[in-house]
Amino acid sequence: MTHRLAEAFKKASALPDALQNELADQLIEDLENESKWQQCLSQPLGHPLEELARKALEDSRQSKTHPLGFDEL
């Protein structure tokens, strides 16, 4: 454990139990979400996404697309 994380846990331990539990829930959720993101990003792109990207590039090359602003989507 890093010194900084140990310091955070030490400060949190002085808080009321309810707030400690809330912080723990938030930290656990953040850690789980980070793990899911890392797992997701480590996966190769699936074939459907690659095919959609190829189609979009081909449509663009054939001038079948036009730029839109955010308010035009």
N, C-alpha and C. Protein backbone atom coordinates (compact mmCIF):
# COMPACT_ATOMS: atom_id res chain seq x y z
N MET A 1 0.86 -1.18 0.00
CA MET A 1 0.00 0.00 0.00
C MET A 1 0.90 1.23 0.00
N THR A 2 0.52 2.21 -0.80
CA THR A 2 1.31 3.42 -0.85
C THR A 2 1.11 4.26 0.41
N HIS A 3 2.06 5.14 0.65
CA HIS A 3 1.97 6.03 1.82
C HIS A 3 0.72 6.90 1.71
N ARG A 4 0.44 7.38 0.51
CA ARG A 4 -0.71 8.27 0.30
C ARG A 4 -2.03 7.56 0.59
N LEU A 5 -2.15 6.30 0.14
CA LEU A 5 -3.38 5.55 0.40
C LEU A 5 -3.52 5.23 1.89
N ALA A 6 -2.42 4.88 2.53
CA ALA A 6 -2.46 4.62 3.97
C ALA A 6 -2.89 5.87 4.73
N GLU A 7 -2.41 7.04 4.29
CA GLU A 7 -2.80 8.31 4.91
C GLU A 7 -4.30 8.55 4.75
N ALA A 8 -4.82 8.26 3.57
CA ALA A 8 -6.26 8.44 3.32
C ALA A 8 -7.08 7.53 4.22
N PHE A 9 -6.66 6.25 4.35
CA PHE A 9 -7.38 5.33 5.22
C PHE A 9 -7.30 5.75 6.68
N LYS A 10 -6.16 6.28 7.09
CA LYS A 10 -6.00 6.74 8.47
C LYS A 10 -6.97 7.89 8.75
N LYS A 11 -7.05 8.84 7.82
CA LYS A 11 -7.98 9.97 8.00
C LYS A 11 -9.43 9.48 7.98
N ALA A 12 -9.73 8.54 7.09
CA ALA A 12 -11.09 8.03 7.00
C ALA A 12 -11.49 7.29 8.27
N SER A 13 -10.54 6.65 8.93
CA SER A 13 -10.85 5.87 10.13
C SER A 13 -11.32 6.75 11.28
N ALA A 14 -11.07 8.05 11.20
CA ALA A 14 -11.52 8.98 12.24
C ALA A 14 -12.95 9.46 12.00
N LEU A 15 -13.52 9.13 10.87
CA LEU A 15 -14.88 9.56 10.53
C LEU A 15 -15.90 8.63 11.18
N PRO A 16 -17.15 9.09 11.30
CA PRO A 16 -18.21 8.23 11.82
C PRO A 16 -18.39 6.98 10.94
N ASP A 17 -18.86 5.90 11.55
CA ASP A 17 -19.00 4.62 10.86
C ASP A 17 -19.83 4.74 9.58
N ALA A 18 -20.91 5.48 9.63
CA ALA A 18 -21.78 5.60 8.46
C ALA A 18 -21.02 6.22 7.29
N LEU A 19 -20.23 7.24 7.57
CA LEU A 19 -19.46 7.88 6.51
C LEU A 19 -18.33 6.97 6.02
N GLN A 20 -17.72 6.22 6.93
CA GLN A 20 -16.69 5.25 6.53
C GLN A 20 -17.29 4.22 5.58
N ASN A 21 -18.49 3.74 5.89
CA ASN A 21 -19.15 2.76 5.04
C ASN A 21 -19.48 3.35 3.67
N GLU A 22 -19.90 4.60 3.66
CA GLU A 22 -20.21 5.26 2.39
C GLU A 22 -18.95 5.39 1.54
N LEU A 23 -17.85 5.80 2.17
CA LEU A 23 -16.58 5.90 1.44
C LEU A 23 -16.13 4.53 0.94
N ALA A 24 -16.29 3.52 1.76
CA ALA A 24 -15.91 2.16 1.37
C ALA A 24 -16.74 1.70 0.18
N ASP A 25 -18.04 1.95 0.20
CA ASP A 25 -18.90 1.57 -0.92
C ASP A 25 -18.47 2.27 -2.21
N GLN A 26 -18.15 3.56 -2.10
CA GLN A 26 -17.71 4.32 -3.27
C GLN A 26 -16.39 3.78 -3.81
N LEU A 27 -15.47 3.48 -2.92
CA LEU A 27 -14.16 2.97 -3.33
C LEU A 27 -14.30 1.59 -4.00
N ILE A 28 -15.10 0.73 -3.41
CA ILE A 28 -15.31 -0.60 -3.98
C ILE A 28 -15.94 -0.48 -5.36
N GLU A 29 -16.93 0.39 -5.50
CA GLU A 29 -17.58 0.59 -6.80
C GLU A 29 -16.57 1.11 -7.83
N ASP A 30 -15.75 2.09 -7.42
CA ASP A 30 -14.74 2.63 -8.33
C ASP A 30 -13.74 1.55 -8.76
N LEU A 31 -13.30 0.73 -7.82
CA LEU A 31 -12.35 -0.33 -8.13
C LEU A 31 -12.96 -1.36 -9.08
N GLU A 32 -14.22 -1.73 -8.84
CA GLU A 32 -14.89 -2.68 -9.73
C GLU A 32 -15.06 -2.10 -11.13
N ASN A 33 -15.44 -0.81 -11.21
CA ASN A 33 -15.60 -0.17 -12.51
C ASN A 33 -14.27 -0.08 -13.25
N GLU A 34 -13.21 0.24 -12.52
CA GLU A 34 -11.90 0.33 -13.14
C GLU A 34 -11.48 -1.03 -13.69
N SER A 35 -11.75 -2.07 -12.92
CA SER A 35 -11.41 -3.42 -13.36
C SER A 35 -12.18 -3.78 -14.62
N LYS A 36 -13.47 -3.42 -14.67
CA LYS A 36 -14.28 -3.70 -15.86
C LYS A 36 -13.74 -2.94 -17.07
N TRP A 37 -13.35 -1.67 -16.88
CA TRP A 37 -12.80 -0.89 -17.98
C TRP A 37 -11.51 -1.51 -18.49
N GLN A 38 -10.64 -1.90 -17.57
CA GLN A 38 -9.37 -2.49 -17.98
C GLN A 38 -9.60 -3.78 -18.76
N GLN A 39 -10.55 -4.58 -18.30
CA GLN A 39 -10.87 -5.82 -19.00
C GLN A 39 -11.45 -5.52 -20.38
N CYS A 40 -12.35 -4.57 -20.45
CA CYS A 40 -12.98 -4.20 -21.71
C CYS A 40 -11.94 -3.67 -22.71
N LEU A 41 -11.06 -2.80 -22.24
CA LEU A 41 -10.06 -2.20 -23.12
C LEU A 41 -9.00 -3.19 -23.57
N SER A 42 -8.82 -4.26 -22.82
CA SER A 42 -7.81 -5.25 -23.19
C SER A 42 -8.33 -6.23 -24.25
N GLN A 43 -9.63 -6.23 -24.48
CA GLN A 43 -10.24 -7.12 -25.47
C GLN A 43 -10.04 -6.54 -26.87
N PRO A 44 -9.74 -7.37 -27.85
CA PRO A 44 -9.67 -6.86 -29.22
C PRO A 44 -11.06 -6.43 -29.69
N LEU A 45 -11.09 -5.49 -30.59
CA LEU A 45 -12.38 -5.05 -31.13
C LEU A 45 -13.05 -6.20 -31.86
N GLY A 46 -14.33 -6.29 -31.68
CA GLY A 46 -15.07 -7.36 -32.34
C GLY A 46 -15.26 -7.08 -33.82
N HIS A 47 -15.58 -8.09 -34.56
CA HIS A 47 -15.79 -7.96 -35.99
C HIS A 47 -16.89 -6.98 -36.36
N PRO A 48 -18.01 -6.94 -35.65
CA PRO A 48 -19.06 -5.98 -36.04
C PRO A 48 -18.57 -4.53 -36.01
N LEU A 49 -17.78 -4.17 -35.02
CA LEU A 49 -17.28 -2.79 -34.94
C LEU A 49 -16.30 -2.51 -36.07
N GLU A 50 -15.45 -3.47 -36.35
CA GLU A 50 -14.48 -3.29 -37.43
C GLU A 50 -15.20 -3.12 -38.77
N GLU A 51 -16.24 -3.91 -38.99
CA GLU A 51 -17.00 -3.81 -40.23
C GLU A 51 -17.71 -2.46 -40.33
N LEU A 52 -18.28 -1.98 -39.23
CA LEU A 52 -18.92 -0.67 -39.24
C LEU A 52 -17.91 0.44 -39.54
N ALA A 53 -16.72 0.32 -38.98
CA ALA A 53 -15.69 1.32 -39.24
C ALA A 53 -15.28 1.31 -40.71
N ARG A 54 -15.09 0.12 -41.27
CA ARG A 54 -14.74 0.03 -42.69
C ARG A 54 -15.84 0.64 -43.57
N LYS A 55 -17.09 0.34 -43.22
CA LYS A 55 -18.23 0.88 -43.99
C LYS A 55 -18.26 2.41 -43.90
N ALA A 56 -18.03 2.95 -42.71
CA ALA A 56 -18.04 4.40 -42.53
C ALA A 56 -16.92 5.05 -43.35
N LEU A 57 -15.74 4.46 -43.35
CA LEU A 57 -14.64 5.01 -44.13
C LEU A 57 -14.94 4.94 -45.62
N GLU A 58 -15.50 3.84 -46.06
CA GLU A 58 -15.85 3.70 -47.49
C GLU A 58 -16.93 4.71 -47.88
N ASP A 59 -17.94 4.88 -47.04
CA ASP A 59 -18.98 5.88 -47.33
C ASP A 59 -18.37 7.27 -47.42
N SER A 60 -17.43 7.57 -46.56
CA SER A 60 -16.78 8.87 -46.58
C SER A 60 -15.97 9.05 -47.87
N ARG A 61 -15.23 8.02 -48.27
CA ARG A 61 -14.46 8.09 -49.51
C ARG A 61 -15.36 8.29 -50.73
N GLN A 62 -16.56 7.75 -50.68
CA GLN A 62 -17.50 7.88 -51.80
C GLN A 62 -18.40 9.10 -51.67
N SER A 63 -18.06 10.00 -50.76
CA SER A 63 -18.82 11.24 -50.52
C SER A 63 -20.28 10.98 -50.18
N LYS A 64 -20.54 9.89 -49.48
CA LYS A 64 -21.90 9.57 -49.04
C LYS A 64 -22.18 10.13 -47.65
N THR A 65 -21.25 10.89 -47.11
CA THR A 65 -21.41 11.46 -45.77
C THR A 65 -21.27 12.97 -45.84
N HIS A 66 -21.72 13.62 -44.80
CA HIS A 66 -21.51 15.07 -44.69
C HIS A 66 -21.37 15.42 -43.22
N PRO A 67 -20.58 16.47 -42.94
CA PRO A 67 -20.33 16.83 -41.54
C PRO A 67 -21.60 17.37 -40.87
N LEU A 68 -21.77 17.04 -39.60
CA LEU A 68 -22.88 17.54 -38.79
C LEU A 68 -22.33 18.14 -37.51
N GLY A 69 -22.96 19.17 -37.03
CA GLY A 69 -22.64 19.73 -35.72
C GLY A 69 -23.39 18.96 -34.64
N PHE A 70 -23.03 19.20 -33.39
CA PHE A 70 -23.68 18.49 -32.29
C PHE A 70 -25.19 18.76 -32.26
N ASP A 71 -25.60 19.96 -32.62
CA ASP A 71 -27.02 20.29 -32.59
C ASP A 71 -27.78 19.73 -33.78
N GLU A 72 -27.09 19.07 -34.70
CA GLU A 72 -27.72 18.51 -35.88
C GLU A 72 -27.83 16.98 -35.81
N LEU A 73 -27.37 16.39 -34.75
CA LEU A 73 -27.39 14.93 -34.65
C LEU A 73 -28.77 14.41 -34.41
